[in-house]
Protein backbone atom coordinates (compact mmCIF):
# COMPACT_ATOMS: atom_id res chain seq x y z
CA MET A 1 77.59 140.54 96.78
CA GLY A 2 80.50 143.11 97.04
CA PRO A 3 83.27 140.97 95.43
CA ARG A 4 81.13 140.22 92.41
CA LEU A 5 80.61 143.85 91.71
CA ALA A 6 84.26 144.62 92.14
CA GLN A 7 85.28 142.01 89.51
CA LEU A 8 83.19 143.72 86.67
CA GLN A 9 81.03 140.74 85.78
CA GLY A 10 78.37 142.64 83.96
CA GLU A 11 76.93 139.62 82.25
CA ARG A 12 75.80 138.42 85.72
CA LEU A 13 73.75 141.51 86.39
CA PRO A 14 70.35 139.87 85.69
CA GLU A 15 71.21 137.09 88.11
CA TRP A 16 72.24 139.73 90.81
CA ILE A 17 69.04 141.70 90.24
CA ALA A 18 67.01 138.54 90.74
CA ALA A 19 68.88 137.75 93.97
CA VAL A 20 68.28 141.25 95.29
CA ARG A 21 64.68 141.11 94.55
CA ALA A 22 64.34 137.89 96.42
CA ASP A 23 65.98 139.41 99.54
CA ASP A 24 63.92 141.54 101.98
CA LEU A 25 65.94 144.69 101.54
CA PRO A 26 63.53 147.59 100.52
CA SER A 27 66.30 150.12 100.01
CA MET A 28 68.03 147.71 97.56
CA HIS A 29 64.74 147.14 95.76
CA THR A 30 64.49 150.92 95.23
CA PHE A 31 68.04 150.85 93.76
CA ILE A 32 67.27 147.95 91.47
CA ASN A 33 64.08 149.63 90.27
CA GLY A 34 66.14 152.71 89.32
CA LEU A 35 68.63 150.53 87.38
CA THR A 36 65.82 149.05 85.32
CA LEU A 37 63.95 152.22 84.31
CA PRO A 38 63.50 152.71 80.61
CA TRP A 39 64.70 156.23 80.66
CA SER A 40 68.09 158.07 81.32
CA SER A 41 68.99 161.29 83.09
CA GLY A 42 71.84 161.92 80.59
CA VAL A 43 70.20 164.96 79.08
CA LEU A 44 69.54 166.51 82.52
CA GLU A 45 73.17 165.79 83.54
CA GLY A 46 74.38 167.58 80.41
CA HIS A 47 72.45 170.70 81.41
CA VAL A 48 73.71 170.55 84.94
CA ASN A 49 77.37 170.21 83.62
CA ARG A 50 76.84 173.19 81.31
CA ILE A 51 75.55 175.39 84.16
CA LYS A 52 78.46 174.32 86.49
CA MET A 53 80.89 175.25 83.67
CA ILE A 54 79.44 178.75 83.28
CA LYS A 55 79.43 179.16 87.16
CA ARG A 56 83.13 178.21 87.24
CA GLN A 57 83.93 180.69 84.45
CA MET A 58 82.30 183.53 86.32
CA TYR A 59 83.45 182.65 89.83
CA GLY A 60 84.30 185.83 91.69
CA ARG A 61 83.38 188.11 88.79
CA ALA A 62 79.58 188.54 88.86
CA GLY A 63 76.55 188.11 91.03
CA PHE A 64 73.55 185.81 90.68
CA LYS A 65 71.63 188.09 88.30
CA LEU A 66 74.28 187.96 85.61
CA LEU A 67 74.91 184.30 86.22
CA ARG A 68 71.17 183.63 85.72
CA LYS A 69 71.11 185.74 82.52
CA ARG A 70 74.05 183.82 81.11
CA VAL A 71 72.50 180.50 81.86
CA LEU A 72 69.18 181.46 80.38
CA LEU A 73 70.72 183.02 77.15
CA ALA A 74 73.01 180.00 76.68
CA SER A 75 70.24 177.53 76.38
């Protein structure tokens, strides 16, 4: 399975998913189920990225109260 992924053969993804589902590997089944969900965490990741940027800008300058206020006001 490893070399196939390293060769970037995305067109074979459905075949790979079917092979994983046929195996008795519960942790891989969980991974496959996550890959095939109809929604994305992109919006959440954008918010996390914005909060991390604010935190980096304020590093060493302010405490948690001011950081919290900036995060809440920025949204």
